[in-house]
Amino acid sequence: MRDLAQQSYSRTKFQIPEPVVRITLLLVVVIAILFVIRFVVNVGGVGGSSVQLKDAPKGLTPVSLSGGVVSTDEGIDLVIESATFQNVSAVSGTASASRKYGDGSFSMTVRATLPDPQGNPYQVWIVGDGEVILAGKMNGSGSSWNLVFNDKDKNYSKMNELWITREITEIDNIPEKHILEGSF
């Protein structure tokens, strides 16, 4: 018979090498620290900001300001004005214009509903203080015409009249047939 008392019935233990245990513990600690840092930054603690930017809801309509001053706390003051036009010819048409200026810049947009000029372009003129300055040729087709004018403010903001003319002869920087006249 065998001597069963002499045999070892203990289970053999699976031993993990000590360097693997240390590396695993170090990884767990690093991941915990990164999680805490991410949580603190997202909440806005320790040097972070609690402001979160989100997209605006769909369907909002932009707001425009006419004839007022737009200012920001540390920004520039911009003046936005609209012009009204009168028909001064037998040609039927309407127009609207807006200008924005401040901090040395000047921007103006003119939109008009006029008949097709049939090869003779419409032009926009800025008038005031004894000066007449060509802002440019209107672009468009059919009955829809527009002009966008951007420049440094070379006293344009002090010139309060606009002319829309039709160029009959070659473009010579001389206003010809007056169609609409406006003022800011």
N, C-alpha and C. Protein backbone atom coordinates (compact mmCIF):
# COMPACT_ATOMS: atom_id res chain seq x y z
N MET A 1 0.80 -1.16 0.00
CA MET A 1 0.00 0.00 0.00
C MET A 1 0.86 1.24 0.00
N ARG A 2 0.20 2.15 -0.46
CA ARG A 2 0.93 3.40 -0.50
C ARG A 2 0.68 4.21 0.74
N ASP A 3 1.63 5.01 1.00
CA ASP A 3 1.49 5.90 2.15
C ASP A 3 0.90 7.22 1.66
N LEU A 4 -0.40 7.38 1.88
CA LEU A 4 -1.07 8.59 1.41
C LEU A 4 -0.72 9.80 2.28
N ALA A 5 -0.23 9.61 3.41
CA ALA A 5 0.11 10.71 4.30
C ALA A 5 1.33 11.45 3.81
N GLN A 6 2.17 10.84 3.06
CA GLN A 6 3.40 11.44 2.61
C GLN A 6 3.19 12.34 1.39
N GLN A 7 2.06 12.27 0.77
CA GLN A 7 1.86 13.05 -0.45
C GLN A 7 1.27 14.42 -0.12
N SER A 8 1.62 15.36 -0.96
CA SER A 8 1.15 16.73 -0.79
C SER A 8 -0.07 16.96 -1.67
N TYR A 9 -1.16 17.33 -1.02
CA TYR A 9 -2.40 17.60 -1.75
C TYR A 9 -2.69 19.10 -1.91
N SER A 10 -1.77 19.94 -1.57
CA SER A 10 -2.01 21.39 -1.69
C SER A 10 -1.99 21.80 -3.17
N ARG A 11 -2.78 22.76 -3.44
CA ARG A 11 -2.84 23.23 -4.82
C ARG A 11 -1.63 24.09 -5.11
N THR A 12 -1.16 23.98 -6.31
CA THR A 12 -0.02 24.81 -6.67
C THR A 12 -0.53 26.21 -6.98
N LYS A 13 0.15 27.21 -6.47
CA LYS A 13 -0.22 28.61 -6.67
C LYS A 13 0.39 29.12 -7.96
N PHE A 14 -0.43 29.89 -8.67
CA PHE A 14 0.08 30.56 -9.86
C PHE A 14 0.75 31.84 -9.39
N GLN A 15 2.00 31.96 -9.65
CA GLN A 15 2.72 33.13 -9.16
C GLN A 15 2.95 34.12 -10.30
N ILE A 16 2.59 35.40 -10.02
CA ILE A 16 2.80 36.48 -10.99
C ILE A 16 4.13 37.12 -10.62
N PRO A 17 4.99 37.28 -11.59
CA PRO A 17 6.28 37.92 -11.30
C PRO A 17 6.07 39.31 -10.73
N GLU A 18 6.90 39.69 -9.80
CA GLU A 18 6.78 40.98 -9.11
C GLU A 18 6.86 42.18 -10.07
N PRO A 19 7.71 42.22 -11.10
CA PRO A 19 7.72 43.37 -12.02
C PRO A 19 6.40 43.56 -12.76
N VAL A 20 5.69 42.47 -13.08
CA VAL A 20 4.40 42.59 -13.76
C VAL A 20 3.38 43.21 -12.81
N VAL A 21 3.40 42.83 -11.54
CA VAL A 21 2.49 43.40 -10.55
C VAL A 21 2.74 44.90 -10.41
N ARG A 22 3.99 45.31 -10.34
CA ARG A 22 4.32 46.73 -10.20
C ARG A 22 3.86 47.54 -11.42
N ILE A 23 4.11 47.01 -12.61
CA ILE A 23 3.70 47.71 -13.83
C ILE A 23 2.18 47.85 -13.89
N THR A 24 1.47 46.80 -13.53
CA THR A 24 0.00 46.84 -13.54
C THR A 24 -0.52 47.87 -12.56
N LEU A 25 0.02 47.92 -11.37
CA LEU A 25 -0.41 48.91 -10.37
C LEU A 25 -0.09 50.32 -10.86
N LEU A 26 1.07 50.51 -11.46
CA LEU A 26 1.44 51.83 -11.98
C LEU A 26 0.46 52.28 -13.07
N LEU A 27 0.08 51.38 -13.98
CA LEU A 27 -0.89 51.72 -15.01
C LEU A 27 -2.25 52.09 -14.43
N VAL A 28 -2.70 51.37 -13.43
CA VAL A 28 -3.98 51.66 -12.78
C VAL A 28 -3.93 53.05 -12.15
N VAL A 29 -2.83 53.40 -11.49
CA VAL A 29 -2.70 54.72 -10.85
C VAL A 29 -2.68 55.82 -11.91
N VAL A 30 -1.94 55.63 -13.01
CA VAL A 30 -1.87 56.64 -14.06
C VAL A 30 -3.24 56.85 -14.70
N ILE A 31 -3.97 55.79 -14.97
CA ILE A 31 -5.31 55.92 -15.56
C ILE A 31 -6.25 56.64 -14.60
N ALA A 32 -6.15 56.36 -13.32
CA ALA A 32 -6.98 57.05 -12.33
C ALA A 32 -6.65 58.54 -12.28
N ILE A 33 -5.38 58.89 -12.35
CA ILE A 33 -4.98 60.31 -12.34
C ILE A 33 -5.49 61.01 -13.59
N LEU A 34 -5.36 60.38 -14.77
CA LEU A 34 -5.86 60.98 -16.00
C LEU A 34 -7.38 61.17 -15.96
N PHE A 35 -8.10 60.22 -15.39
CA PHE A 35 -9.55 60.34 -15.26
C PHE A 35 -9.92 61.53 -14.38
N VAL A 36 -9.22 61.71 -13.27
CA VAL A 36 -9.49 62.83 -12.36
C VAL A 36 -9.17 64.15 -13.06
N ILE A 37 -8.06 64.22 -13.79
CA ILE A 37 -7.69 65.46 -14.49
C ILE A 37 -8.76 65.80 -15.54
N ARG A 38 -9.20 64.82 -16.30
CA ARG A 38 -10.22 65.05 -17.31
C ARG A 38 -11.52 65.54 -16.69
N PHE A 39 -11.90 64.96 -15.58
CA PHE A 39 -13.11 65.37 -14.89
C PHE A 39 -13.00 66.82 -14.41
N VAL A 40 -11.87 67.20 -13.83
CA VAL A 40 -11.68 68.55 -13.31
C VAL A 40 -11.69 69.57 -14.45
N VAL A 41 -11.04 69.26 -15.57
CA VAL A 41 -11.00 70.19 -16.69
C VAL A 41 -12.38 70.34 -17.32
N ASN A 42 -13.12 69.28 -17.48
CA ASN A 42 -14.46 69.36 -18.09
C ASN A 42 -15.45 70.10 -17.22
N VAL A 43 -15.31 70.04 -15.92
CA VAL A 43 -16.24 70.71 -15.01
C VAL A 43 -15.90 72.19 -14.90
N GLY A 44 -14.66 72.56 -15.16
CA GLY A 44 -14.29 73.97 -15.10
C GLY A 44 -13.53 74.31 -13.85
N GLY A 45 -13.07 73.35 -13.13
CA GLY A 45 -12.26 73.63 -11.95
C GLY A 45 -10.84 73.98 -12.35
N VAL A 46 -9.97 74.11 -11.44
CA VAL A 46 -8.53 74.36 -11.57
C VAL A 46 -8.15 74.96 -12.92
N GLY A 47 -8.31 76.25 -13.09
CA GLY A 47 -7.86 76.96 -14.28
C GLY A 47 -8.73 76.77 -15.51
N GLY A 48 -9.76 76.02 -15.43
CA GLY A 48 -10.62 75.80 -16.59
C GLY A 48 -11.76 76.79 -16.61
N SER A 49 -12.53 76.73 -17.63
CA SER A 49 -13.69 77.60 -17.76
C SER A 49 -14.95 76.75 -17.68
N SER A 50 -15.96 77.29 -17.04
CA SER A 50 -17.21 76.54 -16.94
C SER A 50 -18.13 76.82 -18.13
N VAL A 51 -17.68 77.64 -19.09
CA VAL A 51 -18.48 77.97 -20.25
C VAL A 51 -18.28 76.91 -21.32
N GLN A 52 -19.37 76.38 -21.82
CA GLN A 52 -19.30 75.41 -22.90
C GLN A 52 -20.03 75.99 -24.10
N LEU A 53 -19.37 75.97 -25.26
CA LEU A 53 -19.96 76.50 -26.47
C LEU A 53 -20.79 75.41 -27.16
N LYS A 54 -21.94 75.82 -27.64
CA LYS A 54 -22.81 74.89 -28.34
C LYS A 54 -23.30 75.58 -29.61
N ASP A 55 -23.69 74.81 -30.61
CA ASP A 55 -24.28 75.37 -31.83
C ASP A 55 -25.63 75.98 -31.51
N ALA A 56 -25.94 77.04 -32.22
CA ALA A 56 -27.25 77.68 -32.05
C ALA A 56 -28.33 76.77 -32.64
N PRO A 57 -29.52 76.86 -32.11
CA PRO A 57 -30.61 76.05 -32.67
C PRO A 57 -30.88 76.43 -34.12
N LYS A 58 -31.31 75.49 -34.91
CA LYS A 58 -31.61 75.75 -36.32
C LYS A 58 -32.85 76.61 -36.43
N GLY A 59 -32.88 77.44 -37.48
CA GLY A 59 -34.05 78.26 -37.74
C GLY A 59 -33.99 79.65 -37.15
N LEU A 60 -32.85 80.05 -36.53
CA LEU A 60 -32.77 81.41 -36.00
C LEU A 60 -32.58 82.40 -37.14
N THR A 61 -33.14 83.58 -37.00
CA THR A 61 -33.03 84.61 -38.00
C THR A 61 -32.01 85.64 -37.54
N PRO A 62 -31.01 86.01 -38.40
CA PRO A 62 -30.05 87.03 -38.01
C PRO A 62 -30.74 88.37 -37.76
N VAL A 63 -30.20 89.13 -36.85
CA VAL A 63 -30.75 90.43 -36.50
C VAL A 63 -29.92 91.50 -37.19
N SER A 64 -30.58 92.49 -37.77
CA SER A 64 -29.85 93.60 -38.38
C SER A 64 -30.21 94.88 -37.64
N LEU A 65 -29.29 95.83 -37.69
CA LEU A 65 -29.46 97.11 -37.02
C LEU A 65 -29.33 98.20 -38.05
N SER A 66 -30.28 99.10 -38.09
CA SER A 66 -30.24 100.18 -39.07
C SER A 66 -30.14 101.52 -38.36
N GLY A 67 -29.14 102.30 -38.73
CA GLY A 67 -29.00 103.65 -38.21
C GLY A 67 -28.50 103.73 -36.79
N GLY A 68 -27.92 102.69 -36.27
CA GLY A 68 -27.43 102.71 -34.90
C GLY A 68 -25.94 102.48 -34.82
N VAL A 69 -25.45 102.46 -33.63
CA VAL A 69 -24.03 102.21 -33.39
C VAL A 69 -23.90 100.83 -32.77
N VAL A 70 -23.04 100.01 -33.36
CA VAL A 70 -22.77 98.68 -32.85
C VAL A 70 -21.45 98.77 -32.10
N SER A 71 -21.44 98.36 -30.84
CA SER A 71 -20.19 98.43 -30.09
C SER A 71 -20.04 97.18 -29.25
N THR A 72 -18.80 96.89 -28.94
CA THR A 72 -18.48 95.79 -28.05
C THR A 72 -17.61 96.33 -26.94
N ASP A 73 -17.49 95.59 -25.85
CA ASP A 73 -16.74 96.10 -24.70
C ASP A 73 -15.31 96.51 -25.05
N GLU A 74 -14.61 95.67 -25.76
CA GLU A 74 -13.23 95.98 -26.07
C GLU A 74 -13.02 96.06 -27.58
N GLY A 75 -14.09 96.24 -28.35
CA GLY A 75 -13.99 96.25 -29.80
C GLY A 75 -14.08 97.66 -30.35
N ILE A 76 -14.45 97.74 -31.59
CA ILE A 76 -14.56 99.02 -32.27
C ILE A 76 -16.03 99.41 -32.39
N ASP A 77 -16.27 100.68 -32.60
CA ASP A 77 -17.63 101.15 -32.81
C ASP A 77 -17.87 101.21 -34.32
N LEU A 78 -18.93 100.57 -34.76
CA LEU A 78 -19.30 100.58 -36.17
C LEU A 78 -20.65 101.27 -36.30
N VAL A 79 -20.78 102.09 -37.32
CA VAL A 79 -22.04 102.76 -37.60
C VAL A 79 -22.66 102.08 -38.82
N ILE A 80 -23.92 101.74 -38.72
CA ILE A 80 -24.64 101.10 -39.82
C ILE A 80 -25.81 102.00 -40.20
N GLU A 81 -25.89 102.35 -41.49
CA GLU A 81 -26.94 103.25 -41.96
C GLU A 81 -27.57 102.69 -43.22
N SER A 82 -28.82 103.06 -43.47
CA SER A 82 -29.54 102.66 -44.68
C SER A 82 -29.89 103.89 -45.49
N ALA A 83 -29.94 103.71 -46.81
CA ALA A 83 -30.28 104.82 -47.70
C ALA A 83 -31.66 104.61 -48.28
N THR A 84 -32.33 105.72 -48.54
CA THR A 84 -33.62 105.68 -49.24
C THR A 84 -33.41 106.31 -50.62
N PHE A 85 -34.07 105.75 -51.63
CA PHE A 85 -33.88 106.21 -53.01
C PHE A 85 -35.17 106.79 -53.58
N GLN A 86 -34.99 107.73 -54.53
CA GLN A 86 -36.10 108.29 -55.29
C GLN A 86 -35.81 108.09 -56.77
N ASN A 87 -36.85 107.82 -57.52
CA ASN A 87 -36.70 107.66 -58.96
C ASN A 87 -36.62 109.05 -59.58
N VAL A 88 -35.58 109.31 -60.39
CA VAL A 88 -35.41 110.62 -61.02
C VAL A 88 -35.42 110.50 -62.55
N SER A 89 -35.97 109.39 -63.05
CA SER A 89 -36.00 109.18 -64.50
C SER A 89 -37.31 108.52 -64.89
N ALA A 90 -37.45 108.28 -66.18
CA ALA A 90 -38.64 107.59 -66.68
C ALA A 90 -38.51 106.08 -66.53
N VAL A 91 -37.34 105.62 -66.13
CA VAL A 91 -37.10 104.19 -65.95
C VAL A 91 -37.66 103.79 -64.58
N SER A 92 -38.49 102.75 -64.55
CA SER A 92 -39.04 102.32 -63.27
C SER A 92 -38.01 101.44 -62.55
N GLY A 93 -37.90 101.67 -61.26
CA GLY A 93 -36.95 100.88 -60.48
C GLY A 93 -36.96 101.27 -59.03
N THR A 94 -36.45 100.39 -58.21
CA THR A 94 -36.30 100.65 -56.78
C THR A 94 -34.92 100.20 -56.35
N ALA A 95 -34.47 100.72 -55.22
CA ALA A 95 -33.14 100.34 -54.71
C ALA A 95 -33.09 100.50 -53.21
N SER A 96 -32.17 99.79 -52.61
CA SER A 96 -31.87 99.95 -51.18
C SER A 96 -30.36 99.86 -51.02
N ALA A 97 -29.87 100.53 -50.01
CA ALA A 97 -28.42 100.52 -49.76
C ALA A 97 -28.18 100.57 -48.26
N SER A 98 -27.09 99.97 -47.86
CA SER A 98 -26.66 100.07 -46.46
C SER A 98 -25.16 100.26 -46.45
N ARG A 99 -24.69 100.96 -45.45
CA ARG A 99 -23.25 101.15 -45.31
C ARG A 99 -22.87 100.95 -43.86
N LYS A 100 -21.64 100.50 -43.69
CA LYS A 100 -21.10 100.25 -42.36
C LYS A 100 -19.69 100.82 -42.35
N TYR A 101 -19.40 101.62 -41.33
CA TYR A 101 -18.07 102.19 -41.26
C TYR A 101 -17.64 102.36 -39.81
N GLY A 102 -16.35 102.44 -39.64
CA GLY A 102 -15.73 102.60 -38.33
C GLY A 102 -14.35 101.99 -38.36
N ASP A 103 -13.47 102.45 -37.51
CA ASP A 103 -12.11 101.95 -37.40
C ASP A 103 -11.37 102.05 -38.74
N GLY A 104 -11.68 103.08 -39.52
CA GLY A 104 -10.97 103.31 -40.77
C GLY A 104 -11.43 102.50 -41.95
N SER A 105 -12.47 101.69 -41.79
CA SER A 105 -12.95 100.89 -42.92
C SER A 105 -14.34 101.35 -43.33
N PHE A 106 -14.69 101.06 -44.59
CA PHE A 106 -15.99 101.46 -45.14
C PHE A 106 -16.49 100.32 -46.00
N SER A 107 -17.76 99.95 -45.81
CA SER A 107 -18.38 98.88 -46.59
C SER A 107 -19.79 99.32 -46.96
N MET A 108 -20.14 99.10 -48.22
CA MET A 108 -21.47 99.51 -48.68
C MET A 108 -22.03 98.43 -49.62
N THR A 109 -23.32 98.16 -49.48
CA THR A 109 -24.02 97.23 -50.36
C THR A 109 -25.23 97.95 -50.95
N VAL A 110 -25.36 97.85 -52.28
CA VAL A 110 -26.49 98.47 -52.98
C VAL A 110 -27.20 97.36 -53.76
N ARG A 111 -28.53 97.29 -53.60
CA ARG A 111 -29.36 96.33 -54.33
C ARG A 111 -30.44 97.10 -55.06
N ALA A 112 -30.66 96.74 -56.32
CA ALA A 112 -31.65 97.46 -57.11
C ALA A 112 -32.46 96.50 -57.96
N THR A 113 -33.71 96.90 -58.17
CA THR A 113 -34.57 96.21 -59.12
C THR A 113 -34.79 97.20 -60.26
N LEU A 114 -34.14 96.90 -61.38
CA LEU A 114 -34.16 97.79 -62.54
C LEU A 114 -34.30 96.94 -63.80
N PRO A 115 -34.82 97.53 -64.88
CA PRO A 115 -34.92 96.75 -66.13
C PRO A 115 -33.53 96.44 -66.68
N ASP A 116 -33.46 95.42 -67.52
CA ASP A 116 -32.20 95.03 -68.14
C ASP A 116 -31.62 96.24 -68.91
N PRO A 117 -30.37 96.64 -68.63
CA PRO A 117 -29.81 97.83 -69.28
C PRO A 117 -29.38 97.57 -70.74
N GLN A 118 -29.50 96.34 -71.21
CA GLN A 118 -29.22 95.97 -72.60
C GLN A 118 -27.85 96.47 -73.06
N GLY A 119 -26.83 96.07 -72.31
CA GLY A 119 -25.46 96.39 -72.71
C GLY A 119 -24.90 97.68 -72.12
N ASN A 120 -25.75 98.52 -71.57
CA ASN A 120 -25.28 99.76 -70.94
C ASN A 120 -25.32 99.56 -69.44
N PRO A 121 -24.17 99.42 -68.79
CA PRO A 121 -24.15 99.04 -67.37
C PRO A 121 -24.69 100.13 -66.45
N TYR A 122 -25.23 99.63 -65.32
CA TYR A 122 -25.60 100.52 -64.23
C TYR A 122 -24.36 100.75 -63.37
N GLN A 123 -24.20 101.99 -62.88
CA GLN A 123 -23.08 102.32 -62.01
C GLN A 123 -23.60 103.00 -60.75
N VAL A 124 -22.82 102.86 -59.67
CA VAL A 124 -23.16 103.50 -58.40
C VAL A 124 -22.10 104.55 -58.10
N TRP A 125 -22.56 105.72 -57.68
CA TRP A 125 -21.68 106.85 -57.38
C TRP A 125 -21.91 107.30 -55.95
N ILE A 126 -20.84 107.61 -55.25
CA ILE A 126 -20.91 108.18 -53.89
C ILE A 126 -20.67 109.68 -54.05
N VAL A 127 -21.60 110.48 -53.50
CA VAL A 127 -21.57 111.92 -53.75
C VAL A 127 -21.63 112.69 -52.44
N GLY A 128 -20.84 113.75 -52.34
CA GLY A 128 -20.89 114.63 -51.17
C GLY A 128 -19.66 115.51 -51.09
N ASP A 129 -19.79 116.62 -50.40
CA ASP A 129 -18.69 117.58 -50.22
C ASP A 129 -18.08 117.99 -51.55
N GLY A 130 -18.91 118.15 -52.59
CA GLY A 130 -18.42 118.58 -53.89
C GLY A 130 -17.68 117.49 -54.67
N GLU A 131 -17.70 116.26 -54.18
CA GLU A 131 -17.01 115.16 -54.86
C GLU A 131 -18.02 114.15 -55.39
N VAL A 132 -17.66 113.53 -56.51
CA VAL A 132 -18.44 112.44 -57.10
C VAL A 132 -17.45 111.30 -57.35
N ILE A 133 -17.65 110.19 -56.62
CA ILE A 133 -16.71 109.07 -56.70
C ILE A 133 -17.44 107.83 -57.20
N LEU A 134 -16.87 107.19 -58.22
CA LEU A 134 -17.44 105.96 -58.76
C LEU A 134 -17.18 104.81 -57.80
N ALA A 135 -18.26 104.20 -57.31
CA ALA A 135 -18.13 103.03 -56.43
C ALA A 135 -17.98 101.76 -57.25
N GLY A 136 -18.53 101.76 -58.47
CA GLY A 136 -18.36 100.61 -59.34
C GLY A 136 -19.58 100.32 -60.19
N LYS A 137 -19.39 99.30 -61.04
CA LYS A 137 -20.44 98.85 -61.95
C LYS A 137 -21.27 97.81 -61.23
N MET A 138 -22.59 97.90 -61.38
CA MET A 138 -23.48 96.93 -60.73
C MET A 138 -23.45 95.60 -61.49
N ASN A 139 -23.54 94.53 -60.74
CA ASN A 139 -23.57 93.18 -61.31
C ASN A 139 -24.98 92.63 -61.21
N GLY A 140 -25.33 91.76 -62.12
CA GLY A 140 -26.63 91.12 -62.06
C GLY A 140 -27.13 90.77 -63.44
N SER A 141 -28.39 90.44 -63.51
CA SER A 141 -29.03 90.13 -64.78
C SER A 141 -30.53 90.27 -64.61
N GLY A 142 -31.21 90.38 -65.74
CA GLY A 142 -32.66 90.55 -65.69
C GLY A 142 -33.01 91.84 -65.00
N SER A 143 -33.71 91.75 -63.87
CA SER A 143 -34.09 92.96 -63.14
C SER A 143 -33.42 93.07 -61.78
N SER A 144 -32.51 92.15 -61.45
CA SER A 144 -31.86 92.15 -60.14
C SER A 144 -30.39 92.57 -60.28
N TRP A 145 -30.04 93.68 -59.64
CA TRP A 145 -28.70 94.26 -59.75
C TRP A 145 -28.16 94.59 -58.37
N ASN A 146 -26.84 94.43 -58.20
CA ASN A 146 -26.25 94.74 -56.90
C ASN A 146 -24.80 95.16 -57.05
N LEU A 147 -24.30 95.78 -55.98
CA LEU A 147 -22.90 96.21 -55.91
C LEU A 147 -22.47 96.11 -54.45
N VAL A 148 -21.28 95.57 -54.24
CA VAL A 148 -20.66 95.55 -52.92
C VAL A 148 -19.37 96.34 -53.04
N PHE A 149 -19.23 97.35 -52.18
CA PHE A 149 -18.07 98.25 -52.22
C PHE A 149 -17.39 98.22 -50.86
N ASN A 150 -16.10 97.88 -50.85
CA ASN A 150 -15.30 97.85 -49.62
C ASN A 150 -14.01 98.63 -49.85
N ASP A 151 -13.66 99.49 -48.90
CA ASP A 151 -12.44 100.27 -49.02
C ASP A 151 -12.09 100.84 -47.65
N LYS A 152 -10.93 101.44 -47.56
CA LYS A 152 -10.61 102.23 -46.37
C LYS A 152 -11.52 103.44 -46.41
N ASP A 153 -11.88 103.97 -45.25
CA ASP A 153 -12.79 105.12 -45.22
C ASP A 153 -12.03 106.38 -45.60
N LYS A 154 -12.14 106.75 -46.87
CA LYS A 154 -11.49 107.97 -47.39
C LYS A 154 -12.55 109.07 -47.42
N ASN A 155 -13.14 109.35 -46.28
CA ASN A 155 -14.23 110.32 -46.13
C ASN A 155 -15.52 109.87 -46.79
N TYR A 156 -15.65 108.59 -47.17
CA TYR A 156 -16.91 108.09 -47.73
C TYR A 156 -18.03 108.25 -46.71
N SER A 157 -17.70 108.08 -45.43
CA SER A 157 -18.73 108.15 -44.39
C SER A 157 -19.32 109.55 -44.26
N LYS A 158 -18.63 110.56 -44.75
CA LYS A 158 -19.15 111.93 -44.69
C LYS A 158 -19.92 112.31 -45.95
N MET A 159 -19.90 111.42 -46.95
CA MET A 159 -20.61 111.66 -48.20
C MET A 159 -21.96 110.94 -48.10
N ASN A 160 -23.05 111.68 -48.12
CA ASN A 160 -24.35 111.11 -47.79
C ASN A 160 -25.29 110.87 -48.96
N GLU A 161 -24.83 111.03 -50.20
CA GLU A 161 -25.69 110.83 -51.35
C GLU A 161 -25.18 109.66 -52.19
N LEU A 162 -26.12 108.98 -52.86
CA LEU A 162 -25.80 107.91 -53.80
C LEU A 162 -26.57 108.15 -55.09
N TRP A 163 -25.91 107.88 -56.20
CA TRP A 163 -26.56 107.92 -57.49
C TRP A 163 -26.43 106.56 -58.15
N ILE A 164 -27.49 106.12 -58.80
CA ILE A 164 -27.41 104.96 -59.68
C ILE A 164 -27.65 105.51 -61.08
N THR A 165 -26.66 105.32 -61.95
CA THR A 165 -26.74 105.86 -63.30
C THR A 165 -26.63 104.72 -64.31
N ARG A 166 -26.97 105.06 -65.53
CA ARG A 166 -26.80 104.12 -66.64
C ARG A 166 -25.75 104.72 -67.56
N GLU A 167 -24.71 103.96 -67.83
CA GLU A 167 -23.61 104.42 -68.66
C GLU A 167 -23.99 104.22 -70.13
N ILE A 168 -24.17 105.31 -70.85
CA ILE A 168 -24.61 105.23 -72.25
C ILE A 168 -23.40 105.12 -73.18
N THR A 169 -22.39 105.92 -72.95
CA THR A 169 -21.18 105.86 -73.79
C THR A 169 -20.15 104.98 -73.09
N GLU A 170 -18.95 104.99 -73.58
CA GLU A 170 -17.91 104.17 -72.95
C GLU A 170 -17.67 104.62 -71.52
N ILE A 171 -17.16 103.72 -70.71
CA ILE A 171 -16.94 104.04 -69.30
C ILE A 171 -15.82 105.07 -69.20
N ASP A 172 -16.20 106.27 -68.75
CA ASP A 172 -15.24 107.38 -68.70
C ASP A 172 -15.21 108.08 -67.34
N ASN A 173 -15.73 107.43 -66.31
CA ASN A 173 -15.78 107.99 -64.95
C ASN A 173 -16.55 109.30 -64.88
N ILE A 174 -17.53 109.43 -65.74
CA ILE A 174 -18.44 110.59 -65.70
C ILE A 174 -19.85 110.03 -65.59
N PRO A 175 -20.62 110.44 -64.55
CA PRO A 175 -21.99 109.94 -64.42
C PRO A 175 -22.85 110.43 -65.59
N GLU A 176 -23.63 109.51 -66.16
CA GLU A 176 -24.43 109.87 -67.32
C GLU A 176 -25.91 109.91 -66.97
N LYS A 177 -26.71 108.97 -67.40
CA LYS A 177 -28.16 109.03 -67.21
C LYS A 177 -28.53 108.65 -65.78
N HIS A 178 -28.99 109.61 -65.00
CA HIS A 178 -29.40 109.37 -63.61
C HIS A 178 -30.71 108.59 -63.60
N ILE A 179 -30.71 107.45 -62.87
CA ILE A 179 -31.89 106.62 -62.76
C ILE A 179 -32.53 106.80 -61.38
N LEU A 180 -31.72 106.54 -60.32
CA LEU A 180 -32.19 106.67 -58.93
C LEU A 180 -31.17 107.49 -58.14
N GLU A 181 -31.68 108.26 -57.19
CA GLU A 181 -30.80 109.02 -56.29
C GLU A 181 -31.24 108.73 -54.85
N GLY A 182 -30.25 108.54 -54.00
CA GLY A 182 -30.56 108.21 -52.61
C GLY A 182 -29.72 109.00 -51.65
N SER A 183 -30.13 108.93 -50.38
CA SER A 183 -29.36 109.62 -49.34
C SER A 183 -29.43 108.82 -48.05
N PHE A 184 -28.35 108.93 -47.30
CA PHE A 184 -28.26 108.26 -45.99
C PHE A 184 -28.76 109.20 -44.91
